[in-house]
Amino acid sequence: MVSRHERGIGRKAKADGILASVPVQIRQRLQTYDQQQVLQHWNDLTDRERQSLVSQLTQIDFHRLRRLVAEGARHEDWDAVAARAEPPPAVRRDRPGDSAARRTARRLGEEALSEGRVGAILVAGGQGTRLGFPHPKGIFPIGPVSRASLFQIHFERLRAVAGRFGSSMALYLMTSPATHDETIRYLNDHQRFGYPDQDLVVFCQGVMPAVDAATGKILLESPGRIAFSPDGHGGVVAALQKSGAVEDMQRRGVRELFYFQVDNPLAPVCDPEVIGHHIHSGSEISTLAVAKDSPHDRLGNIVRVDGRVRIIEYINMPDEAARKKAADGGLLFWAGNTGVHVFNTAFLKQMSQSDTSLPFHASRKRVPFVDSRAQRIEPDQPNALKFERFVFDLMPAARESIVIEVDRHATFAPLKNADDQSRDTPSSVREQMMHVHRAWLRSAGARIDDDVVVEISPLYATSETELREKLAPGTAIGKSIYLRDQ
């Protein structure tokens, strides 16, 4: 009969045998940080799977991970933060006497665009899971008539802006490990929708391992694969540096970067007036905002606290602060974050020099994993910590930062949910696109009914001003129409 002591010696010998076949540096690192459980299925892996697992482990900063786990899901005292908050410095829409400032801004923006000093960052790491679409969200067909994808609309708008100002437009496209390969194939299959190859830089954001919330142990997605997740849209800072994009910007003379996310087909990408306000104010990071519809609108609140612009997420905004009124009777904290920014590239380079320039945020999530028997577990409650960075955390680091208000109905249509939800769905986004394009047509003198299905490609016009240059006044539009220049 084998004693308990002898069985213990046998298990230790087996474990030591497993560890002996792992590269020494990895073995030592796992022992130092007590993460040996990631090797529990090592004996059952093929040589190729073992090589892959070792490669994954070399990507992990175990020291940083241990610190983040120790800090856990920290909770700031939002009541105290909101009590010190005030409205941010802002350029508001349609304020009396602002026409001269708008003209100056447009001139400065047009000059910067004409001289090739403006580039764009398109963040496209998300999948269409919530849409019931098993592909990168940028591939989703959103055009009301053309069924053009989000990628096509954005690429064509940037082509149109570059063409209008007679310059090149550097586009830095950030994917994630989950979307990268399919995005590359899709863009190649469609010849990048005519976008010049030399003006497009595609790079992949980083990842962070998910850990068990109770123990801090790294979870396995499968016996030979770490449960990684993208490191958030704030990962763009480190990814730009790692990919060589920062050096590319310097080489090209790009001084300002328009940052936007792939899910908004109405984003006013590289709008000259927006660019000009950013330049004229000397801002290092400018943020496009919409006026909130209600105190608890599901948008981050852009505020100024202790002299620095920052975000208080809607779920963290105390009710009393959310309902505060300004002297004109409107909401004191009116500015809702659209996730669209303009960066000064010198500031972005400075922030990219340090891996600690953006903090990580921990959140409890449900993360499927395999257990010690290699059985897949689908938790029904949050079981893990995920770690992400948010790009808006750059705001407090900026010496100068402003908010630029834009028209919510004309510029903000984020695609988030499937059509069984009440808002931000394919149907609501397409309807909003058509509403904007009908308004442009009427402004240009066309006659069109409210039920006409209409779509205007950015290659035809990116604004109602451009549309007036092409459309004859009095044009009658009575059926479905897609206006597009080749």
Protein backbone atom coordinates (compact mmCIF):
# COMPACT_ATOMS: atom_id res chain seq x y z
CA MET A 1 0.00 0.00 0.00
CA VAL A 2 1.34 3.47 -0.99
CA SER A 3 1.38 5.97 1.85
CA ARG A 4 0.09 9.53 1.60
CA HIS A 5 3.69 10.73 1.95
CA GLU A 6 4.83 8.53 -0.94
CA ARG A 7 1.93 9.75 -3.11
CA GLY A 8 2.97 13.32 -2.34
CA ILE A 9 6.55 12.59 -3.38
CA GLY A 10 5.26 11.01 -6.58
CA ARG A 11 3.15 14.04 -7.48
CA LYS A 12 6.08 16.38 -6.81
CA ALA A 13 8.39 14.26 -8.94
CA LYS A 14 5.86 14.33 -11.79
CA ALA A 15 5.48 18.10 -11.49
CA ASP A 16 9.24 18.56 -11.42
CA GLY A 17 9.49 16.37 -14.51
CA ILE A 18 7.01 18.58 -16.33
CA LEU A 19 8.83 21.77 -15.31
CA ALA A 20 12.18 20.29 -16.36
CA SER A 21 11.09 20.28 -20.02
CA VAL A 22 10.10 23.95 -19.93
CA PRO A 23 12.70 26.60 -20.85
CA VAL A 24 14.62 27.60 -17.73
CA GLN A 25 13.74 31.31 -17.87
CA ILE A 26 10.02 30.57 -18.17
CA ARG A 27 10.18 27.98 -15.40
CA GLN A 28 11.92 30.37 -13.05
CA ARG A 29 9.50 33.18 -13.85
CA LEU A 30 6.46 31.00 -13.17
CA GLN A 31 7.95 29.79 -9.89
CA THR A 32 8.83 33.32 -8.79
CA TYR A 33 5.29 34.57 -9.40
CA ASP A 34 3.51 31.35 -8.35
CA GLN A 35 1.82 30.83 -11.72
CA GLN A 36 2.90 27.22 -12.42
CA GLN A 37 -0.73 26.19 -12.95
CA VAL A 38 -0.50 27.38 -16.57
CA LEU A 39 1.62 24.27 -17.21
CA GLN A 40 -0.80 21.77 -15.70
CA HIS A 41 -1.64 20.28 -19.13
CA TRP A 42 1.91 20.44 -20.51
CA ASN A 43 2.28 16.65 -20.88
CA ASP A 44 -0.84 16.50 -23.06
CA LEU A 45 0.31 19.21 -25.50
CA THR A 46 1.96 18.64 -28.85
CA ASP A 47 5.40 20.13 -29.47
CA ARG A 48 3.80 22.90 -31.51
CA GLU A 49 1.30 23.68 -28.75
CA ARG A 50 4.12 23.79 -26.19
CA GLN A 51 6.07 26.25 -28.35
CA SER A 52 2.97 28.39 -28.66
CA LEU A 53 2.36 28.39 -24.90
CA VAL A 54 5.98 29.36 -24.21
CA SER A 55 5.63 32.20 -26.75
CA GLN A 56 2.47 33.41 -25.00
CA LEU A 57 4.18 33.35 -21.60
CA THR A 58 7.07 35.46 -22.85
CA GLN A 59 4.59 38.25 -23.63
CA ILE A 60 3.43 38.58 -20.04
CA ASP A 61 4.91 41.16 -17.68
CA PHE A 62 4.47 39.07 -14.51
CA HIS A 63 5.70 41.82 -12.20
CA ARG A 64 3.11 44.27 -13.50
CA LEU A 65 0.42 41.59 -13.44
CA ARG A 66 1.12 40.81 -9.78
CA ARG A 67 0.86 44.49 -8.91
CA LEU A 68 -2.43 44.86 -10.80
CA VAL A 69 -3.89 41.80 -9.11
CA ALA A 70 -2.86 43.16 -5.71
CA GLU A 71 -4.57 46.47 -6.48
CA GLY A 72 -7.68 44.66 -7.74
CA ALA A 73 -10.73 46.47 -9.04
CA ARG A 74 -10.11 49.81 -7.34
CA HIS A 75 -13.00 52.17 -6.77
CA GLU A 76 -12.40 55.91 -6.77
CA ASP A 77 -14.44 58.16 -4.49
CA TRP A 78 -16.63 59.53 -7.27
CA ASP A 79 -18.70 61.65 -4.89
CA ALA A 80 -15.53 63.52 -3.93
CA VAL A 81 -14.38 63.80 -7.55
CA ALA A 82 -17.76 65.11 -8.73
CA ALA A 83 -17.87 67.61 -5.87
CA ARG A 84 -14.69 69.23 -7.23
CA ALA A 85 -15.79 69.04 -10.88
CA GLU A 86 -16.66 71.95 -13.14
CA PRO A 87 -17.56 72.15 -16.83
CA PRO A 88 -14.59 71.70 -19.17
CA PRO A 89 -13.11 74.40 -21.43
CA ALA A 90 -15.16 74.05 -24.59
CA VAL A 91 -16.06 75.31 -28.02
CA ARG A 92 -19.87 75.20 -28.02
CA ARG A 93 -22.09 75.01 -31.09
CA ASP A 94 -24.26 77.85 -32.37
CA ARG A 95 -23.23 80.44 -29.82
CA PRO A 96 -23.77 84.09 -30.84
CA GLY A 97 -20.65 85.87 -32.06
CA ASP A 98 -18.74 82.68 -32.82
CA SER A 99 -18.78 82.97 -36.61
CA ALA A 100 -15.36 84.68 -36.78
CA ALA A 101 -13.80 82.01 -34.53
CA ARG A 102 -15.31 79.29 -36.70
CA ARG A 103 -13.93 80.88 -39.87
CA THR A 104 -10.47 81.10 -38.29
CA ALA A 105 -10.65 77.49 -37.19
CA ARG A 106 -11.73 76.30 -40.63
CA ARG A 107 -8.87 78.21 -42.28
CA LEU A 108 -6.31 76.71 -39.90
CA GLY A 109 -7.71 73.22 -40.39
CA GLU A 110 -7.73 73.53 -44.17
CA GLU A 111 -4.13 74.72 -44.14
CA ALA A 112 -3.04 71.77 -41.99
CA LEU A 113 -4.87 69.30 -44.23
CA SER A 114 -3.49 70.86 -47.42
CA GLU A 115 0.06 70.63 -46.07
CA GLY A 116 -0.30 66.96 -45.09
CA ARG A 117 0.14 67.69 -41.38
CA VAL A 118 -2.95 65.67 -40.37
CA GLY A 119 -3.26 61.88 -40.06
CA ALA A 120 -5.92 59.55 -38.69
CA ILE A 121 -6.09 56.68 -36.21
CA LEU A 122 -8.92 54.22 -36.73
CA VAL A 123 -9.51 51.84 -33.81
CA ALA A 124 -11.03 48.59 -35.08
CA GLY A 125 -10.24 45.87 -32.58
CA GLY A 126 -13.81 44.90 -31.75
CA GLN A 127 -15.82 41.96 -33.03
CA GLY A 128 -19.50 42.11 -33.92
CA THR A 129 -20.49 39.72 -31.14
CA ARG A 130 -23.30 41.89 -29.75
CA LEU A 131 -24.57 42.34 -33.31
CA GLY A 132 -24.75 38.60 -33.86
CA PHE A 133 -22.03 39.13 -36.48
CA PRO A 134 -19.08 36.69 -36.17
CA HIS A 135 -16.54 38.96 -37.86
CA PRO A 136 -14.65 42.19 -37.14
CA LYS A 137 -17.18 44.94 -36.60
CA GLY A 138 -15.57 47.05 -39.35
CA ILE A 139 -16.80 44.51 -41.92
CA PHE A 140 -20.46 44.99 -40.91
CA PRO A 141 -22.60 46.19 -43.87
CA ILE A 142 -24.21 49.40 -42.66
CA GLY A 143 -24.89 51.46 -45.82
CA PRO A 144 -28.67 52.01 -46.10
CA VAL A 145 -28.66 51.44 -49.87
CA SER A 146 -25.19 50.17 -50.77
CA ARG A 147 -24.71 47.96 -47.71
CA ALA A 148 -21.19 49.41 -47.65
CA SER A 149 -19.21 48.26 -44.64
CA LEU A 150 -18.05 50.53 -41.86
CA PHE A 151 -14.52 50.12 -43.20
CA GLN A 152 -15.57 51.17 -46.69
CA ILE A 153 -17.34 54.31 -45.43
CA HIS A 154 -14.38 55.42 -43.33
CA PHE A 155 -11.76 54.64 -45.97
CA GLU A 156 -13.74 56.49 -48.63
CA ARG A 157 -14.22 59.51 -46.38
CA LEU A 158 -10.48 59.74 -45.76
CA ARG A 159 -9.83 59.36 -49.51
CA ALA A 160 -12.31 62.16 -50.15
CA VAL A 161 -10.73 64.50 -47.58
CA ALA A 162 -7.24 63.85 -48.94
CA GLY A 163 -8.47 64.42 -52.50
CA ARG A 164 -10.27 67.63 -51.64
CA PHE A 165 -7.15 69.13 -50.07
CA GLY A 166 -4.69 67.69 -52.56
CA SER A 167 -2.55 65.88 -50.02
CA SER A 168 -1.82 62.43 -48.71
CA MET A 169 -3.51 61.19 -45.55
CA ALA A 170 -1.69 58.74 -43.30
CA LEU A 171 -4.11 56.22 -41.78
CA TYR A 172 -3.05 54.16 -38.77
CA LEU A 173 -5.46 51.26 -38.31
CA MET A 174 -5.41 49.39 -34.99
CA THR A 175 -6.76 45.86 -34.90
CA SER A 176 -6.77 43.25 -32.13
CA PRO A 177 -5.53 39.64 -32.16
CA ALA A 178 -9.16 38.56 -32.65
CA THR A 179 -9.69 40.77 -35.73
CA HIS A 180 -6.26 41.29 -37.27
CA ASP A 181 -5.95 38.48 -39.80
CA GLU A 182 -9.54 38.69 -41.06
CA THR A 183 -9.27 42.49 -41.34
CA ILE A 184 -6.11 42.19 -43.43
CA ARG A 185 -7.76 39.62 -45.73
CA TYR A 186 -10.89 41.74 -46.10
CA LEU A 187 -8.98 44.90 -46.97
CA ASN A 188 -6.78 43.03 -49.45
CA ASP A 189 -9.83 41.39 -51.07
CA HIS A 190 -11.33 44.87 -51.59
CA GLN A 191 -8.07 46.57 -52.61
CA ARG A 192 -8.31 48.74 -49.46
CA PHE A 193 -11.26 50.51 -51.13
CA GLY A 194 -8.79 52.46 -53.20
CA TYR A 195 -6.72 53.66 -50.26
CA PRO A 196 -3.03 54.05 -51.20
CA ASP A 197 -0.97 51.23 -49.76
CA GLN A 198 1.86 53.59 -48.79
CA ASP A 199 -0.55 55.67 -46.67
CA LEU A 200 -1.93 52.77 -44.62
CA VAL A 201 -0.25 51.31 -41.53
CA VAL A 202 -2.05 48.39 -39.88
CA PHE A 203 -0.92 47.31 -36.42
CA CYS A 204 -2.25 45.12 -33.63
CA GLN A 205 -2.98 46.21 -30.08
CA GLY A 206 -1.60 44.39 -27.08
CA VAL A 207 -3.27 41.86 -24.82
CA MET A 208 -3.47 41.13 -21.10
CA PRO A 209 -4.12 37.79 -19.39
CA ALA A 210 -7.34 37.32 -17.46
CA VAL A 211 -6.89 36.06 -13.90
CA ASP A 212 -9.11 34.27 -11.42
CA ALA A 213 -10.63 37.00 -9.26
CA ALA A 214 -10.27 34.99 -6.06
CA THR A 215 -6.71 33.69 -6.46
CA GLY A 216 -4.99 35.91 -9.01
CA LYS A 217 -4.05 32.83 -11.05
CA ILE A 218 -3.82 33.21 -14.82
CA LEU A 219 -6.69 31.42 -16.56
CA LEU A 220 -6.34 29.07 -19.51
CA GLU A 221 -8.69 29.40 -22.46
CA SER A 222 -7.66 25.91 -23.58
CA PRO A 223 -4.98 23.49 -22.31
CA GLY A 224 -2.30 25.28 -24.33
CA ARG A 225 -3.67 28.79 -24.57
CA ILE A 226 -3.74 31.66 -22.09
CA ALA A 227 -7.07 33.48 -21.69
CA PHE A 228 -5.90 36.76 -23.19
CA SER A 229 -8.08 39.79 -23.93
CA PRO A 230 -7.29 43.08 -25.72
CA ASP A 231 -5.77 45.75 -23.49
CA GLY A 232 -8.45 48.35 -24.32
CA HIS A 233 -8.56 51.29 -26.72
CA GLY A 234 -5.93 52.93 -24.53
CA GLY A 235 -3.57 50.23 -25.79
CA VAL A 236 -3.20 52.36 -28.89
CA VAL A 237 -0.45 54.43 -27.23
CA ALA A 238 1.92 51.52 -26.61
CA ALA A 239 0.94 49.83 -29.88
CA LEU A 240 1.77 52.91 -31.94
CA GLN A 241 5.24 53.00 -30.45
CA LYS A 242 5.86 49.26 -30.76
CA SER A 243 4.65 49.12 -34.38
CA GLY A 244 6.91 51.94 -35.58
CA ALA A 245 3.92 54.15 -36.34
CA VAL A 246 5.27 56.99 -34.20
CA GLU A 247 8.45 57.09 -36.29
CA ASP A 248 6.32 56.98 -39.44
CA MET A 249 4.41 60.06 -38.28
CA GLN A 250 7.65 61.94 -37.69
CA ARG A 251 9.00 60.94 -41.09
CA ARG A 252 5.82 62.13 -42.83
CA GLY A 253 5.58 65.39 -40.87
CA VAL A 254 2.22 64.49 -39.29
CA ARG A 255 1.59 66.87 -36.40
CA GLU A 256 -2.07 66.21 -35.55
CA LEU A 257 -3.97 62.91 -35.43
CA PHE A 258 -7.70 62.45 -35.69
CA TYR A 259 -8.65 59.45 -33.51
CA PHE A 260 -11.97 57.65 -34.01
CA GLN A 261 -13.62 54.27 -33.55
CA VAL A 262 -14.88 52.06 -36.34
CA ASP A 263 -18.46 51.72 -35.08
CA ASN A 264 -19.58 55.29 -35.90
CA PRO A 265 -20.26 55.79 -39.65
CA LEU A 266 -21.14 59.47 -39.09
CA ALA A 267 -17.90 60.41 -37.33
CA PRO A 268 -16.75 63.79 -38.74
CA VAL A 269 -13.36 62.38 -39.64
CA CYS A 270 -10.71 65.07 -40.18
CA ASP A 271 -13.29 67.86 -40.28
CA PRO A 272 -11.32 71.07 -41.00
CA GLU A 273 -13.13 73.14 -38.39
CA VAL A 274 -12.53 70.55 -35.67
CA ILE A 275 -8.85 70.32 -36.60
CA GLY A 276 -8.61 74.11 -36.60
CA HIS A 277 -10.15 74.57 -33.16
CA HIS A 278 -7.68 72.00 -31.84
CA ILE A 279 -4.71 73.81 -33.39
CA HIS A 280 -5.86 77.32 -32.49
CA SER A 281 -6.31 76.44 -28.81
CA GLY A 282 -2.86 74.86 -28.51
CA SER A 283 -4.56 71.71 -27.22
CA GLU A 284 -2.57 68.49 -26.84
CA ILE A 285 -5.73 66.39 -26.80
CA SER A 286 -9.12 67.65 -27.91
CA THR A 287 -12.32 65.67 -27.43
CA LEU A 288 -15.49 65.81 -29.48
CA ALA A 289 -18.58 65.97 -27.31
CA VAL A 290 -22.33 66.01 -27.77
CA ALA A 291 -24.81 67.75 -25.50
CA LYS A 292 -26.37 65.13 -23.24
CA ASP A 293 -30.08 64.42 -23.69
CA SER A 294 -30.66 63.85 -19.98
CA PRO A 295 -28.71 63.88 -16.70
CA HIS A 296 -28.14 60.12 -16.90
CA ASP A 297 -27.45 59.82 -20.62
CA ARG A 298 -25.31 56.72 -21.18
CA LEU A 299 -22.21 58.71 -22.12
CA GLY A 300 -19.07 59.53 -20.18
CA ASN A 301 -19.19 62.99 -18.63
CA ILE A 302 -16.32 65.26 -19.68
CA VAL A 303 -15.45 67.54 -16.76
CA ARG A 304 -12.55 69.53 -15.35
CA VAL A 305 -11.25 68.52 -11.92
CA ASP A 306 -8.38 70.31 -10.18
CA GLY A 307 -7.55 72.09 -13.42
CA ARG A 308 -7.39 68.94 -15.55
CA VAL A 309 -9.93 67.62 -18.04
CA ARG A 310 -11.07 64.07 -17.38
CA ILE A 311 -13.99 61.64 -17.72
CA ILE A 312 -16.51 60.53 -15.11
CA GLU A 313 -18.35 57.56 -16.56
CA TYR A 314 -22.15 57.77 -16.44
CA ILE A 315 -22.36 54.80 -14.05
CA ASN A 316 -20.07 56.65 -11.61
CA MET A 317 -21.67 60.09 -11.80
CA PRO A 318 -23.56 60.86 -8.56
CA ASP A 319 -27.21 61.72 -9.16
CA GLU A 320 -26.98 65.12 -7.49
CA ALA A 321 -24.03 66.16 -9.67
CA ALA A 322 -25.63 64.76 -12.84
CA ARG A 323 -28.74 66.93 -12.27
CA LYS A 324 -26.91 70.20 -11.56
CA LYS A 325 -28.04 73.10 -13.71
CA ALA A 326 -25.99 75.86 -15.32
CA ALA A 327 -26.98 79.53 -15.29
CA ASP A 328 -28.74 79.15 -18.64
CA GLY A 329 -30.94 76.35 -17.30
CA GLY A 330 -29.15 73.56 -19.13
CA LEU A 331 -27.15 70.78 -17.53
CA LEU A 332 -23.96 71.97 -15.85
CA PHE A 333 -22.22 68.77 -16.93
CA TRP A 334 -23.51 68.77 -20.47
CA ALA A 335 -20.57 67.25 -22.36
CA GLY A 336 -21.04 63.61 -23.38
CA ASN A 337 -17.95 61.81 -24.63
CA THR A 338 -18.17 60.50 -28.22
CA GLY A 339 -14.84 58.64 -28.12
CA VAL A 340 -13.48 60.89 -30.87
CA HIS A 341 -10.30 62.89 -30.22
CA VAL A 342 -7.61 64.94 -31.90
CA PHE A 343 -4.08 64.39 -30.62
CA ASN A 344 -0.96 66.45 -31.01
CA THR A 345 1.64 63.90 -32.18
CA ALA A 346 4.43 65.36 -30.01
CA PHE A 347 2.23 64.77 -26.96
CA LEU A 348 1.36 61.26 -28.14
CA LYS A 349 5.05 60.46 -28.65
CA GLN A 350 5.84 61.72 -25.16
CA MET A 351 3.12 59.52 -23.68
CA SER A 352 4.35 56.50 -25.63
CA GLN A 353 7.81 56.71 -24.08
CA SER A 354 6.59 55.30 -20.78
CA ASP A 355 4.60 52.13 -20.26
CA THR A 356 3.04 53.72 -17.18
CA SER A 357 1.61 56.80 -18.91
CA LEU A 358 -1.83 55.17 -18.96
CA PRO A 359 -3.14 53.25 -15.95
CA PHE A 360 -4.78 49.84 -16.21
CA HIS A 361 -8.33 49.42 -14.98
CA ALA A 362 -9.51 46.08 -13.58
CA SER A 363 -13.06 44.89 -14.08
CA ARG A 364 -14.84 41.71 -13.05
CA LYS A 365 -16.03 39.71 -16.07
CA ARG A 366 -17.24 36.24 -16.94
CA VAL A 367 -14.34 34.43 -18.59
CA PRO A 368 -14.66 30.80 -19.78
CA PHE A 369 -11.67 28.65 -18.85
CA VAL A 370 -10.43 25.07 -18.65
CA ASP A 371 -9.96 23.46 -15.24
CA SER A 372 -7.34 21.00 -13.99
CA ARG A 373 -9.14 18.17 -15.82
CA ALA A 374 -9.13 20.16 -19.08
CA GLN A 375 -12.90 20.59 -18.81
CA ARG A 376 -14.26 23.85 -20.20
CA ILE A 377 -16.10 25.88 -17.58
CA GLU A 378 -18.68 28.51 -18.60
CA PRO A 379 -19.23 30.62 -15.48
CA ASP A 380 -22.66 32.15 -14.89
CA GLN A 381 -21.22 34.90 -12.66
CA PRO A 382 -18.17 37.19 -13.03
CA ASN A 383 -15.21 35.01 -12.10
CA ALA A 384 -12.21 36.88 -13.44
CA LEU A 385 -10.38 40.17 -13.57
CA LYS A 386 -9.66 41.72 -16.96
CA PHE A 387 -7.25 44.61 -17.35
CA GLU A 388 -7.76 47.46 -19.85
CA ARG A 389 -6.46 50.91 -20.60
CA PHE A 390 -8.71 53.78 -21.73
CA VAL A 391 -7.48 56.41 -24.17
CA PHE A 392 -9.37 59.19 -22.37
CA ASP A 393 -7.01 58.72 -19.40
CA LEU A 394 -4.56 60.76 -21.47
CA MET A 395 -6.65 63.87 -20.83
CA PRO A 396 -5.32 64.74 -17.36
CA ALA A 397 -1.73 64.44 -18.63
CA ALA A 398 -2.23 67.17 -21.23
CA ARG A 399 -1.11 70.71 -20.45
CA GLU A 400 -3.94 72.03 -22.62
CA SER A 401 -7.10 70.11 -23.42
CA ILE A 402 -10.39 71.33 -24.86
CA VAL A 403 -13.82 69.97 -25.70
CA ILE A 404 -15.37 70.65 -29.10
CA GLU A 405 -19.14 70.27 -29.26
CA VAL A 406 -20.59 68.63 -32.38
CA ASP A 407 -24.14 67.97 -33.55
CA ARG A 408 -25.25 64.68 -31.99
CA HIS A 409 -27.73 63.81 -34.74
CA ALA A 410 -25.33 64.58 -37.58
CA THR A 411 -22.10 63.07 -36.24
CA PHE A 412 -22.78 60.41 -33.62
CA ALA A 413 -24.36 57.05 -34.53
CA PRO A 414 -22.44 54.29 -32.71
CA LEU A 415 -23.33 50.78 -33.79
CA LYS A 416 -23.41 48.65 -30.63
CA ASN A 417 -26.39 46.30 -30.49
CA ALA A 418 -28.47 43.88 -32.54
CA ASP A 419 -31.90 44.96 -33.78
CA ASP A 420 -33.65 43.33 -30.83
CA GLN A 421 -32.38 46.18 -28.64
CA SER A 422 -33.85 49.68 -28.36
CA ARG A 423 -30.90 51.83 -29.45
CA ASP A 424 -27.59 51.91 -31.34
CA THR A 425 -28.77 49.13 -33.67
CA PRO A 426 -28.26 48.57 -37.42
CA SER A 427 -31.79 49.84 -38.08
CA SER A 428 -31.43 52.98 -35.95
CA VAL A 429 -27.98 53.78 -37.35
CA ARG A 430 -29.15 53.42 -40.97
CA GLU A 431 -32.19 55.60 -40.25
CA GLN A 432 -29.94 58.26 -38.71
CA MET A 433 -27.63 58.15 -41.74
CA MET A 434 -30.59 58.64 -44.07
CA HIS A 435 -31.94 61.49 -41.95
CA VAL A 436 -28.61 63.31 -42.25
CA HIS A 437 -28.35 62.73 -45.99
CA ARG A 438 -31.95 63.86 -46.64
CA ALA A 439 -31.16 67.05 -44.70
CA TRP A 440 -28.08 67.63 -46.88
CA LEU A 441 -30.11 67.15 -50.03
CA ARG A 442 -32.79 69.60 -48.91
CA SER A 443 -30.11 72.12 -47.93
CA ALA A 444 -28.72 71.77 -51.47
CA GLY A 445 -32.17 72.58 -52.90
CA ALA A 446 -33.34 69.05 -53.70
CA ARG A 447 -36.92 67.84 -53.16
CA ILE A 448 -37.16 64.52 -51.29
CA ASP A 449 -39.80 62.83 -49.16
CA ASP A 450 -39.13 61.47 -45.68
CA ASP A 451 -39.68 57.85 -46.74
CA VAL A 452 -37.10 57.84 -49.54
CA VAL A 453 -34.18 55.51 -48.86
CA VAL A 454 -31.08 57.55 -49.58
CA GLU A 455 -27.33 57.27 -49.08
CA ILE A 456 -24.50 59.60 -50.03
CA SER A 457 -21.03 58.13 -50.36
CA PRO A 458 -18.21 60.25 -48.92
CA LEU A 459 -16.68 60.08 -52.41
CA TYR A 460 -19.64 62.13 -53.63
CA ALA A 461 -19.81 64.58 -50.72
CA THR A 462 -18.63 64.70 -47.10
CA SER A 463 -20.85 67.64 -46.15
CA GLU A 464 -23.88 69.59 -47.32
CA THR A 465 -21.49 72.32 -48.55
CA GLU A 466 -19.80 69.88 -50.92
CA LEU A 467 -23.17 68.51 -52.01
CA ARG A 468 -24.35 71.99 -53.08
CA GLU A 469 -21.37 72.14 -55.43
CA LYS A 470 -22.57 69.04 -57.29
CA LEU A 471 -26.36 68.98 -57.14
CA ALA A 472 -28.57 71.18 -59.29
CA PRO A 473 -31.13 73.16 -57.23
CA GLY A 474 -34.66 71.81 -57.57
CA THR A 475 -33.54 68.23 -58.23
CA ALA A 476 -36.42 65.88 -57.43
CA ILE A 477 -35.56 62.61 -55.74
CA GLY A 478 -38.47 60.18 -55.52
CA LYS A 479 -36.93 56.75 -55.20
CA SER A 480 -34.10 54.91 -53.49
CA ILE A 481 -30.81 56.50 -54.47
CA TYR A 482 -27.09 56.00 -53.76
CA LEU A 483 -24.93 58.96 -54.77
CA ARG A 484 -21.34 57.93 -55.31
CA ASP A 485 -18.38 59.04 -57.43
CA GLN A 486 -16.05 56.27 -58.56
